[in-house]
């Protein structure tokens, strides 16, 4: 009887779930650092990609409502002309195409064009789960030999980096397709790579790997909220209610970077009134001249911890016109919000990290350009805290460029002391690996409805204590993904786990 009580306790815990915070407390490395505009073409559709063969493969992106978007494959029209909807999204389908390549895909609207090169048609497998799927080739058996021999130009991988979101995302974390060479294959998912290699050898077709996995993750983090609410309404009731509360704080149209600007205006109303961040003609006669990079206590601003505004003009060469730029701003302590020509381009709340932000080409103009930074520090060395070599702006496409150095005298305005700040910096709507639906929202939803052959799933340890619940949870996840990728009941291949903590 005692044994039965123990088993029931485990099952009950699995049924109702122990509470896990929807959002981690304090800044995390995976918090978004830059606003991302929705691109003409979703980043999954990029050079070296593999597109699913033998079906009408969806391709989509964003533009102005009403725009007409055309897609061509090797110079020939492919799929229907897409009309951009009120939400800014367009979608069309190309194919079916047989396996092979390389091909060139061109996407165009009235104002924008994009060319995608070295595209192969083949089978694309979504590889997901926890650490067993996340384990890379470089740590597998005979790793040195396997990596050295990993030259398969028709195998490509797109790795979705960790991102747990409280609501479904449109874009995955920045990534690119990588051709299978020793340089890149060493970091491919080991299970995905060896599977792809075997299928490629047998069928002689290109293989694409969409790798989206997170160590120690549970299946409920990979399942959409609507699916859990519909098919398992009593299992995760408390955790879903907690998630709803977190989402409600920001509201349905929450934007993290807009919230940061509102925060600055709230805690320092004068900065908003006088437009510290945006006014190129701002009178800064009463601002200090501080040497950057140097902790502001050492540069002449002693006994101040709190908010300090910085402004600096940089001369952009004519040859950089129409180019994205990389803005590197030293190590900053503790938190920063950065604008370029009045538009917010980045923010981090983790001290001790070099700030590296991308500036969209549309913000860049030859001649004088304005950099503004609002920096908050609670204690210790504050502001820009590393060497002059870490202060530079250069073309993003040319990491070897010396660029334009930014070290020197910057205008600075100390304002609110830390203890007088009326509100903490806002949090983005992100969670951690335990956040219910979080990995679906951040790492699967942005991939839908990309054309795939099927799924490789290697997970289960994290749900081991709740094995009876998992018997319903995994089929819920499978049905959820099949519905959302919109290509029918595709194969869902489950790697069988070795015995783990088997009940005796």
Protein backbone atom coordinates (compact mmCIF):
# COMPACT_ATOMS: atom_id res chain seq x y z
CA UNK A 1 0.00 0.00 0.00
CA UNK A 2 2.86 2.37 0.83
CA UNK A 3 4.31 1.73 -2.61
CA UNK A 4 0.97 2.52 -4.25
CA UNK A 5 0.77 5.80 -2.32
CA UNK A 6 4.22 6.76 -3.57
CA UNK A 7 3.30 6.04 -7.17
CA UNK A 8 0.04 7.99 -6.83
CA UNK A 9 1.95 10.96 -5.42
CA UNK A 10 4.26 10.96 -8.42
CA UNK A 11 1.32 10.72 -10.82
CA UNK A 12 -0.58 13.49 -9.05
CA UNK A 13 2.42 15.78 -9.21
CA UNK A 14 2.64 15.08 -12.92
CA UNK A 15 -1.05 15.66 -13.47
CA UNK A 16 -1.24 19.01 -11.83
CA UNK A 17 2.37 20.11 -12.23
CA UNK A 18 4.57 21.87 -9.72
CA UNK A 19 4.67 25.63 -10.12
CA UNK A 20 7.56 27.02 -12.16
CA UNK A 21 8.01 30.72 -12.66
CA UNK A 22 6.87 31.76 -16.11
CA UNK A 23 9.59 34.38 -16.26
CA UNK A 24 13.05 34.26 -14.64
CA UNK A 25 13.88 36.90 -12.10
CA UNK A 26 16.60 39.27 -13.28
CA UNK A 27 18.28 39.79 -16.67
CA UNK A 28 19.31 36.70 -18.65
CA UNK A 29 21.83 36.22 -21.51
CA UNK A 30 19.07 35.23 -23.94
CA UNK A 31 17.07 38.42 -23.51
CA UNK A 32 16.66 40.28 -26.81
CA UNK A 33 19.40 42.86 -27.35
CA UNK A 34 18.20 44.50 -30.57
CA UNK A 35 14.85 45.33 -32.16
CA UNK A 36 14.31 43.25 -35.27
CA UNK A 37 12.28 44.54 -38.18
CA UNK A 38 10.19 41.94 -39.98
CA UNK A 39 12.09 41.17 -43.22
CA UNK A 40 10.81 40.82 -46.75
CA UNK A 41 11.68 37.11 -46.59
CA UNK A 42 11.65 34.98 -43.44
CA UNK A 43 15.28 34.19 -42.42
CA UNK A 44 14.71 30.46 -42.94
CA UNK A 45 14.79 31.26 -46.65
CA UNK A 46 18.44 32.17 -47.11
CA UNK A 47 21.57 31.11 -48.98
CA UNK A 48 22.54 27.41 -48.76
CA UNK A 49 19.08 26.34 -47.60
CA UNK A 50 17.31 23.04 -48.29
CA UNK A 51 13.66 23.35 -49.35
CA UNK A 52 11.33 20.38 -49.08
CA UNK A 53 10.94 18.45 -52.34
CA UNK A 54 7.79 16.92 -53.82
CA UNK A 55 5.31 19.29 -52.20
CA UNK A 56 4.11 22.84 -52.57
CA UNK A 57 6.59 24.39 -50.15
CA UNK A 58 5.44 27.54 -48.31
CA UNK A 59 7.61 30.64 -48.48
CA UNK A 60 6.68 33.82 -46.63
CA UNK A 61 7.75 37.15 -45.21
CA UNK A 62 6.53 40.69 -44.56
CA UNK A 63 6.01 43.92 -46.46
CA UNK A 64 3.59 46.83 -46.69
CA UNK A 65 -0.10 45.82 -46.72
CA UNK A 66 -1.36 45.56 -50.27
CA UNK A 67 2.09 44.96 -51.80
CA UNK A 68 2.34 42.23 -54.42
CA UNK A 69 5.22 39.80 -53.91
CA UNK A 70 6.51 37.50 -56.63
CA UNK A 71 8.74 34.44 -56.31
CA UNK A 72 10.90 33.02 -59.09
CA UNK A 73 12.99 29.85 -59.17
CA UNK A 74 15.87 30.02 -61.64
CA UNK A 75 14.26 33.01 -63.33
CA UNK A 76 10.86 31.40 -63.83
CA UNK A 77 7.70 32.35 -61.95
CA UNK A 78 6.96 29.90 -59.14
CA UNK A 79 3.74 29.95 -57.18
CA UNK A 80 0.98 32.52 -57.17
CA UNK A 81 1.66 36.21 -56.68
CA UNK A 82 1.19 36.93 -52.97
CA UNK A 83 -0.74 39.97 -51.79
CA UNK A 84 0.42 41.28 -48.42
CA UNK A 85 -2.34 41.20 -45.83
CA UNK A 86 -3.36 43.83 -43.30
CA UNK A 87 -1.01 42.22 -40.77
CA UNK A 88 1.92 42.80 -43.14
CA UNK A 89 2.46 39.11 -43.90
CA UNK A 90 2.58 37.45 -47.30
CA UNK A 91 2.77 33.74 -48.12
CA UNK A 92 2.85 31.72 -51.29
CA UNK A 93 3.87 28.18 -52.22
CA UNK A 94 6.43 26.98 -54.75
CA UNK A 95 6.78 23.59 -56.37
CA UNK A 96 6.58 20.74 -56.17
CA UNK A 97 10.21 20.29 -57.26
CA UNK A 98 12.21 17.11 -57.45
CA UNK A 99 15.36 16.62 -55.40
CA UNK A 100 18.47 18.38 -56.60
CA UNK A 101 20.06 21.73 -57.25
CA UNK A 102 21.61 24.17 -56.82
CA UNK A 103 18.85 26.64 -57.62
CA UNK A 104 18.37 30.38 -57.21
CA UNK A 105 15.20 31.82 -55.69
CA UNK A 106 14.31 35.47 -56.25
CA UNK A 107 11.70 37.31 -54.19
CA UNK A 108 10.55 40.79 -55.12
CA UNK A 109 8.04 43.47 -54.25
CA UNK A 110 7.64 46.96 -55.72
CA UNK A 111 10.43 48.38 -53.53
CA UNK A 112 12.54 45.44 -52.41
CA UNK A 113 14.31 42.46 -53.92
CA UNK A 114 16.09 39.48 -52.38
CA UNK A 115 18.03 36.68 -54.05
CA UNK A 116 18.60 33.33 -52.32
CA UNK A 117 21.49 31.33 -53.76
CA UNK A 118 22.71 27.73 -53.67
CA UNK A 119 19.28 26.32 -52.80
CA UNK A 120 18.75 22.56 -52.84
CA UNK A 121 15.48 20.66 -52.90
CA UNK A 122 15.49 17.55 -50.73
CA UNK A 123 14.09 16.24 -47.44
CA UNK A 124 14.04 18.50 -44.39
CA UNK A 125 13.88 16.96 -40.91
CA UNK A 126 13.04 18.95 -37.79
CA UNK A 127 15.28 17.63 -34.99
CA UNK A 128 14.03 18.49 -31.52
CA UNK A 129 14.00 17.40 -27.90
CA UNK A 130 16.42 17.77 -25.02
CA UNK A 131 20.14 17.17 -24.38
CA UNK A 132 20.40 13.93 -26.34
CA UNK A 133 19.39 15.82 -29.48
CA UNK A 134 21.46 18.83 -28.49
CA UNK A 135 24.66 16.76 -28.14
CA UNK A 136 27.05 17.91 -30.93
CA UNK A 137 29.13 15.84 -33.35
CA UNK A 138 32.37 17.15 -31.79
CA UNK A 139 31.53 15.33 -28.53
CA UNK A 140 30.30 12.11 -30.13
CA UNK A 141 32.15 8.79 -30.36
CA UNK A 142 35.23 9.01 -32.64
CA UNK A 143 34.60 12.75 -32.80
CA UNK A 144 37.95 13.76 -34.29
CA UNK A 145 37.62 11.35 -37.21
CA UNK A 146 33.93 12.08 -37.72
CA UNK A 147 34.51 15.83 -37.87
CA UNK A 148 37.48 15.48 -40.21
CA UNK A 149 35.40 13.44 -42.66
CA UNK A 150 32.25 15.56 -42.47
CA UNK A 151 32.28 16.84 -46.04
CA UNK A 152 28.77 16.47 -47.43
CA UNK A 153 27.80 19.55 -49.44
CA UNK A 154 24.24 18.27 -49.89
CA UNK A 155 23.64 18.15 -46.11
CA UNK A 156 22.85 21.52 -44.51
CA UNK A 157 21.75 22.54 -41.03
CA UNK A 158 19.85 25.50 -39.57
CA UNK A 159 20.28 25.68 -35.78
CA UNK A 160 17.65 27.52 -33.76
CA UNK A 161 19.35 29.00 -30.71
CA UNK A 162 17.72 29.00 -27.30
CA UNK A 163 14.81 31.35 -26.89
CA UNK A 164 11.90 30.82 -24.54
CA UNK A 165 9.04 33.25 -25.20
CA UNK A 166 5.80 33.88 -23.33
CA UNK A 167 3.89 34.37 -26.60
CA UNK A 168 4.48 32.96 -30.13
CA UNK A 169 7.32 34.66 -32.02
CA UNK A 170 7.40 35.44 -35.74
CA UNK A 171 11.20 35.18 -36.12
CA UNK A 172 13.64 32.65 -34.66
CA UNK A 173 16.85 33.85 -33.00
CA UNK A 174 19.35 34.99 -35.65
CA UNK A 175 20.87 32.00 -37.46
CA UNK A 176 21.88 30.83 -40.93
CA UNK A 177 22.00 27.66 -42.98
CA UNK A 178 25.40 25.94 -42.77
CA UNK A 179 26.81 23.53 -45.35
CA UNK A 180 28.18 20.30 -43.89
CA UNK A 181 31.94 20.83 -43.71
CA UNK A 182 34.27 20.11 -40.77
CA UNK A 183 34.12 23.79 -39.83
CA UNK A 184 30.36 23.70 -39.24
CA UNK A 185 29.50 20.01 -38.85
CA UNK A 186 31.35 19.76 -35.53
CA UNK A 187 28.52 21.77 -33.97
CA UNK A 188 25.64 20.00 -35.75
CA UNK A 189 23.33 17.92 -33.60
CA UNK A 190 25.01 14.51 -33.49
CA UNK A 191 21.79 12.51 -33.81
CA UNK A 192 20.57 14.72 -36.64
CA UNK A 193 23.88 14.59 -38.48
CA UNK A 194 24.27 10.80 -38.39
CA UNK A 195 20.62 10.37 -39.41
CA UNK A 196 21.04 12.82 -42.29
CA UNK A 197 24.24 11.15 -43.42
CA UNK A 198 22.61 7.72 -43.48
CA UNK A 199 19.54 8.91 -45.41
CA UNK A 200 21.72 10.88 -47.82
CA UNK A 201 23.90 7.83 -48.52
CA UNK A 202 20.88 5.62 -49.08
CA UNK A 203 18.63 7.90 -51.10
CA UNK A 204 21.23 10.18 -52.76
CA UNK A 205 19.19 13.31 -52.11
CA UNK A 206 19.94 16.56 -50.26
CA UNK A 207 19.03 16.57 -46.56
CA UNK A 208 18.21 19.62 -44.46
CA UNK A 209 18.34 19.63 -40.66
CA UNK A 210 16.24 22.11 -38.69
CA UNK A 211 17.79 21.75 -35.26
CA UNK A 212 15.71 23.11 -32.38
CA UNK A 213 16.45 21.47 -29.02
CA UNK A 214 17.22 22.44 -25.41
CA UNK A 215 18.86 20.37 -22.71
CA UNK A 216 16.71 19.22 -19.77
CA UNK A 217 13.54 20.51 -21.44
CA UNK A 218 10.12 18.96 -20.86
CA UNK A 219 7.49 18.25 -23.52
CA UNK A 220 5.03 20.79 -22.10
CA UNK A 221 7.52 23.55 -22.94
CA UNK A 222 7.47 22.41 -26.59
CA UNK A 223 3.66 22.27 -26.90
CA UNK A 224 1.49 25.27 -27.80
CA UNK A 225 -0.78 26.82 -25.21
CA UNK A 226 -3.96 26.24 -27.26
CA UNK A 227 -3.16 22.52 -27.59
CA UNK A 228 -2.53 22.10 -23.86
CA UNK A 229 -5.69 24.01 -22.95
CA UNK A 230 -7.79 21.97 -25.37
CA UNK A 231 -6.45 18.45 -24.85
CA UNK A 232 -5.02 18.56 -21.31
CA UNK A 233 -7.10 21.23 -19.55
CA UNK A 234 -6.49 20.01 -15.99
CA UNK A 235 -2.83 18.96 -16.17
CA UNK A 236 -1.16 22.37 -16.33
CA UNK A 237 -3.94 24.64 -15.14
CA UNK A 238 -1.90 26.52 -12.52
CA UNK A 239 1.14 27.02 -14.75
CA UNK A 240 -0.95 28.25 -17.67
CA UNK A 241 -2.75 30.67 -15.34
CA UNK A 242 0.62 31.97 -14.14
CA UNK A 243 1.72 32.41 -17.75
CA UNK A 244 -1.48 34.34 -18.52
CA UNK A 245 -0.73 36.74 -15.65
CA UNK A 246 2.78 37.41 -16.95
CA UNK A 247 1.50 38.08 -20.47
CA UNK A 248 -1.26 40.35 -19.18
CA UNK A 249 1.29 42.63 -17.52
CA UNK A 250 2.61 43.74 -20.89
CA UNK A 251 -0.67 43.53 -22.75
CA UNK A 252 -1.39 42.01 -26.17
CA UNK A 253 0.72 44.54 -28.12
CA UNK A 254 3.75 44.58 -25.81
CA UNK A 255 7.03 45.59 -27.45
CA UNK A 256 10.12 45.41 -25.26
CA UNK A 257 12.06 48.21 -26.93
CA UNK A 258 9.10 50.56 -26.91
CA UNK A 259 8.74 49.76 -23.21
CA UNK A 260 12.39 50.72 -22.66
CA UNK A 261 11.85 54.14 -24.22
CA UNK A 262 8.72 54.66 -22.14
CA UNK A 263 10.69 53.70 -19.03
CA UNK A 264 13.35 56.33 -19.77
CA UNK A 265 10.65 58.96 -20.19
CA UNK A 266 8.97 57.86 -16.98
CA UNK A 267 12.03 57.94 -14.72
CA UNK A 268 13.55 61.03 -16.35
CA UNK A 269 10.74 63.21 -17.73
CA UNK A 270 13.13 66.03 -18.66
CA UNK A 271 14.94 63.70 -21.06
CA UNK A 272 11.66 63.09 -22.87
CA UNK A 273 10.64 66.74 -22.91
CA UNK A 274 13.99 67.91 -24.29
CA UNK A 275 14.42 64.78 -26.48
CA UNK A 276 17.88 63.79 -25.27
CA UNK A 277 17.83 60.68 -27.47
CA UNK A 278 16.39 62.11 -30.66
CA UNK A 279 16.96 65.86 -31.08
CA UNK A 280 20.03 66.53 -33.24
CA UNK A 281 19.86 70.23 -32.31
CA UNK A 282 19.71 69.71 -28.56
CA UNK A 283 21.56 72.39 -26.59
CA UNK A 284 24.25 70.49 -24.65
CA UNK A 285 26.27 73.44 -23.33
CA UNK A 286 25.58 72.39 -19.76
CA UNK A 287 26.57 68.76 -20.43
CA UNK A 288 29.91 67.43 -19.20
CA UNK A 289 32.80 66.34 -21.41
CA UNK A 290 33.81 62.83 -20.32
CA UNK A 291 36.52 60.57 -21.70
CA UNK A 292 35.10 57.35 -23.16
CA UNK A 293 35.75 54.50 -22.61
CA UNK A 294 36.51 54.95 -18.93
CA UNK A 295 34.39 54.36 -15.81
CA UNK A 296 32.63 57.64 -15.30
CA UNK A 297 33.97 57.90 -11.74
CA UNK A 298 37.50 57.98 -13.20
CA UNK A 299 36.51 60.43 -15.96
CA UNK A 300 35.36 63.16 -13.59
CA UNK A 301 31.83 62.15 -12.57
CA UNK A 302 32.40 61.08 -8.96
CA UNK A 303 29.85 59.98 -6.40
CA UNK A 304 27.09 59.27 -8.90
CA UNK A 305 25.31 55.97 -9.36
CA UNK A 306 22.12 55.99 -11.35
CA UNK A 307 21.21 57.25 -14.84
CA UNK A 308 23.66 59.08 -17.11
CA UNK A 309 22.97 60.16 -20.69
CA UNK A 310 25.75 60.19 -23.31
CA UNK A 311 25.77 61.76 -26.78
CA UNK A 312 28.44 61.53 -29.47
CA UNK A 313 28.61 62.53 -33.14
CA UNK A 314 30.36 60.18 -35.56
CA UNK A 315 31.39 60.92 -39.17
CA UNK A 316 30.18 58.21 -41.55
CA UNK A 317 32.05 57.85 -44.89
CA UNK A 318 30.12 58.18 -48.14
CA UNK A 319 31.17 54.63 -49.07
CA UNK A 320 29.10 53.24 -46.15
CA UNK A 321 25.84 54.53 -47.55
CA UNK A 322 23.12 51.84 -47.82
CA UNK A 323 25.10 49.41 -45.64
CA UNK A 324 24.20 47.84 -42.32
CA UNK A 325 26.72 48.85 -39.67
CA UNK A 326 28.09 47.14 -36.56
CA UNK A 327 28.25 49.37 -33.49
CA UNK A 328 30.65 48.12 -30.79
CA UNK A 329 30.46 50.05 -27.54
CA UNK A 330 32.88 48.53 -25.05
CA UNK A 331 31.93 46.73 -21.87
CA UNK A 332 29.11 48.64 -20.18
CA UNK A 333 28.11 48.53 -16.52
CA UNK A 334 25.29 47.91 -15.76
CA UNK A 335 22.48 48.49 -18.28
CA UNK A 336 22.18 50.55 -21.46
CA UNK A 337 19.70 51.78 -24.04
CA UNK A 338 21.32 52.94 -27.29
CA UNK A 339 19.90 55.08 -30.11
CA UNK A 340 21.37 55.85 -33.55
CA UNK A 341 20.04 58.98 -35.22
CA UNK A 342 17.09 58.92 -32.83
CA UNK A 343 16.08 55.27 -33.36
CA UNK A 344 16.66 52.69 -30.66
CA UNK A 345 19.14 50.05 -31.86
CA UNK A 346 19.95 48.01 -28.77
CA UNK A 347 19.80 47.39 -25.05
CA UNK A 348 21.34 45.02 -22.55
CA UNK A 349 20.86 44.70 -18.82
CA UNK A 350 23.82 42.41 -18.12
CA UNK A 351 26.95 44.19 -16.82
CA UNK A 352 30.44 43.24 -17.95
CA UNK A 353 29.56 42.45 -21.57
CA UNK A 354 30.76 44.18 -24.72
CA UNK A 355 27.83 45.80 -26.49
CA UNK A 356 27.60 44.89 -30.17
CA UNK A 357 24.56 46.24 -32.00
CA UNK A 358 23.56 46.18 -35.64
CA UNK A 359 22.42 49.40 -37.30
CA UNK A 360 19.98 49.07 -40.18
CA UNK A 361 21.19 50.68 -43.41
CA UNK A 362 18.11 52.89 -43.60
CA UNK A 363 19.30 54.75 -40.47
CA UNK A 364 22.75 55.47 -41.91
CA UNK A 365 23.63 58.68 -43.74
CA UNK A 366 26.99 60.00 -44.96
CA UNK A 367 28.38 62.70 -42.71
CA UNK A 368 27.44 63.35 -39.09
CA UNK A 369 25.39 60.70 -37.27
CA UNK A 370 24.28 60.83 -33.64
CA UNK A 371 24.88 58.07 -31.08
CA UNK A 372 22.97 58.38 -27.80
CA UNK A 373 23.21 56.06 -24.80
CA UNK A 374 21.29 56.02 -21.53
CA UNK A 375 23.30 54.03 -18.98
CA UNK A 376 22.16 52.92 -15.54
CA UNK A 377 24.58 51.66 -12.90
CA UNK A 378 23.80 50.69 -9.32
CA UNK A 379 27.30 50.39 -7.87
CA UNK A 380 30.97 49.94 -8.70
CA UNK A 381 32.73 51.07 -11.92
CA UNK A 382 30.05 52.61 -14.11
CA UNK A 383 29.49 53.29 -17.80
CA UNK A 384 32.01 52.37 -20.52
CA UNK A 385 34.54 50.08 -18.85
CA UNK A 386 36.95 48.52 -21.36
CA UNK A 387 39.71 49.55 -23.76
CA UNK A 388 39.50 52.01 -26.70
CA UNK A 389 39.85 49.17 -29.22
CA UNK A 390 36.35 48.06 -28.20
CA UNK A 391 34.79 51.35 -29.31
CA UNK A 392 34.23 51.27 -33.06
CA UNK A 393 31.62 51.48 -35.82
CA UNK A 394 32.16 49.62 -39.11
CA UNK A 395 30.29 47.91 -41.95
CA UNK A 396 28.57 44.82 -40.60
CA UNK A 397 29.60 42.83 -43.66
CA UNK A 398 33.31 43.53 -43.09
CA UNK A 399 34.41 42.38 -39.62
CA UNK A 400 38.05 42.97 -40.57
CA UNK A 401 37.48 46.68 -41.22
CA UNK A 402 39.19 49.15 -38.89
CA UNK A 403 36.05 51.25 -39.08
CA UNK A 404 35.73 54.58 -37.32
CA UNK A 405 37.03 54.75 -33.77
CA UNK A 406 34.63 56.07 -31.13
CA UNK A 407 36.96 56.53 -28.18
CA UNK A 408 37.35 60.15 -27.12
CA UNK A 409 35.35 62.89 -25.44
CA UNK A 410 31.59 62.33 -25.24
CA UNK A 411 28.95 64.67 -23.89
CA UNK A 412 27.43 63.37 -20.65
CA UNK A 413 24.47 64.35 -18.47
CA UNK A 414 24.01 62.74 -15.03
CA UNK A 415 20.37 62.76 -14.01
CA UNK A 416 18.45 60.50 -11.63
CA UNK A 417 20.30 58.71 -8.82
CA UNK A 418 19.71 54.98 -8.64
CA UNK A 419 17.76 55.07 -5.37
CA UNK A 420 15.44 57.68 -6.87
CA UNK A 421 14.48 55.72 -9.99
CA UNK A 422 10.72 55.35 -9.89
CA UNK A 423 10.61 51.99 -11.67
CA UNK A 424 12.94 49.12 -12.58
CA UNK A 425 13.90 48.53 -16.18
CA UNK A 426 11.18 46.54 -17.95
CA UNK A 427 11.51 42.84 -18.75
CA UNK A 428 10.89 41.33 -22.18
CA UNK A 429 8.25 38.63 -22.45
CA UNK A 430 10.65 35.71 -22.22
CA UNK A 431 10.98 32.73 -19.91
CA UNK A 432 13.45 29.92 -19.31
CA UNK A 433 13.68 26.30 -20.35
CA UNK A 434 11.00 25.27 -17.86
CA UNK A 435 8.46 27.89 -18.91
CA UNK A 436 5.34 26.13 -20.12
CA UNK A 437 4.84 26.58 -23.92
CA UNK A 438 7.98 28.79 -23.92
CA UNK A 439 10.14 26.71 -26.26
CA UNK A 440 7.24 26.18 -28.63
CA UNK A 441 6.64 29.95 -28.72
CA UNK A 442 10.28 30.88 -29.26
CA UNK A 443 11.75 27.95 -31.19
CA UNK A 444 8.95 26.13 -33.08
CA UNK A 445 6.26 28.73 -33.83
CA UNK A 446 8.75 30.90 -35.81
CA UNK A 447 9.41 27.92 -38.11
CA UNK A 448 5.77 27.29 -39.06
CA UNK A 449 4.65 26.39 -41.69
CA UNK A 450 8.05 25.57 -43.25
CA UNK A 451 7.85 22.47 -45.45
CA UNK A 452 9.36 19.44 -43.71
CA UNK A 453 9.57 15.71 -44.33
CA UNK A 454 9.14 14.83 -40.66
CA UNK A 455 10.39 15.17 -37.10
CA UNK A 456 13.11 13.43 -35.10
CA UNK A 457 12.24 13.57 -31.39
CA UNK A 458 14.70 12.60 -28.65
CA UNK A 459 13.22 13.57 -25.28
CA UNK A 460 11.54 12.08 -22.26
CA UNK A 461 13.95 12.19 -19.31
CA UNK A 462 12.55 15.50 -18.06
CA UNK A 463 9.06 13.98 -18.05
CA UNK A 464 10.24 10.68 -16.53
CA UNK A 465 8.65 11.24 -13.11
CA UNK A 466 5.34 11.98 -14.86
CA UNK A 467 5.33 8.97 -17.16
CA UNK A 468 1.60 8.40 -17.04
CA UNK A 469 0.94 11.99 -18.03
CA UNK A 470 3.55 11.74 -20.80
CA UNK A 471 1.47 9.01 -22.43
CA UNK A 472 -1.06 11.75 -23.23
CA UNK A 473 1.31 14.69 -23.49
CA UNK A 474 3.49 13.35 -26.31
CA UNK A 475 0.53 12.52 -28.59
CA UNK A 476 -0.80 16.03 -27.85
CA UNK A 477 2.50 17.54 -28.97
CA UNK A 478 2.62 15.40 -32.11
CA UNK A 479 -0.94 16.32 -33.13
CA UNK A 480 -0.21 19.98 -32.37
CA UNK A 481 2.87 20.14 -34.60
CA UNK A 482 1.19 18.20 -37.41
CA UNK A 483 -1.69 20.65 -37.41
CA UNK A 484 0.52 23.72 -37.36
CA UNK A 485 2.96 22.70 -40.11
CA UNK A 486 -0.06 22.11 -42.38
CA UNK A 487 1.28 19.18 -44.41
CA UNK A 488 -0.71 16.30 -42.94
CA UNK A 489 0.42 13.45 -40.71
CA UNK A 490 4.14 13.61 -41.41
CA UNK A 491 6.44 10.97 -39.83
CA UNK A 492 7.30 11.67 -36.19
CA UNK A 493 10.29 9.46 -35.37
CA UNK A 494 10.83 8.91 -31.65
CA UNK A 495 14.22 7.80 -30.37
CA UNK A 496 13.65 5.18 -27.70
CA UNK A 497 15.31 6.07 -24.40
CA UNK A 498 17.40 3.66 -22.42
CA UNK A 499 15.86 2.75 -19.06
CA UNK A 500 15.92 5.77 -16.79
CA UNK A 501 15.18 5.42 -13.09
CA UNK A 502 12.93 2.45 -13.79
CA UNK A 503 10.41 1.70 -11.03
CA UNK A 504 11.42 -1.44 -9.16
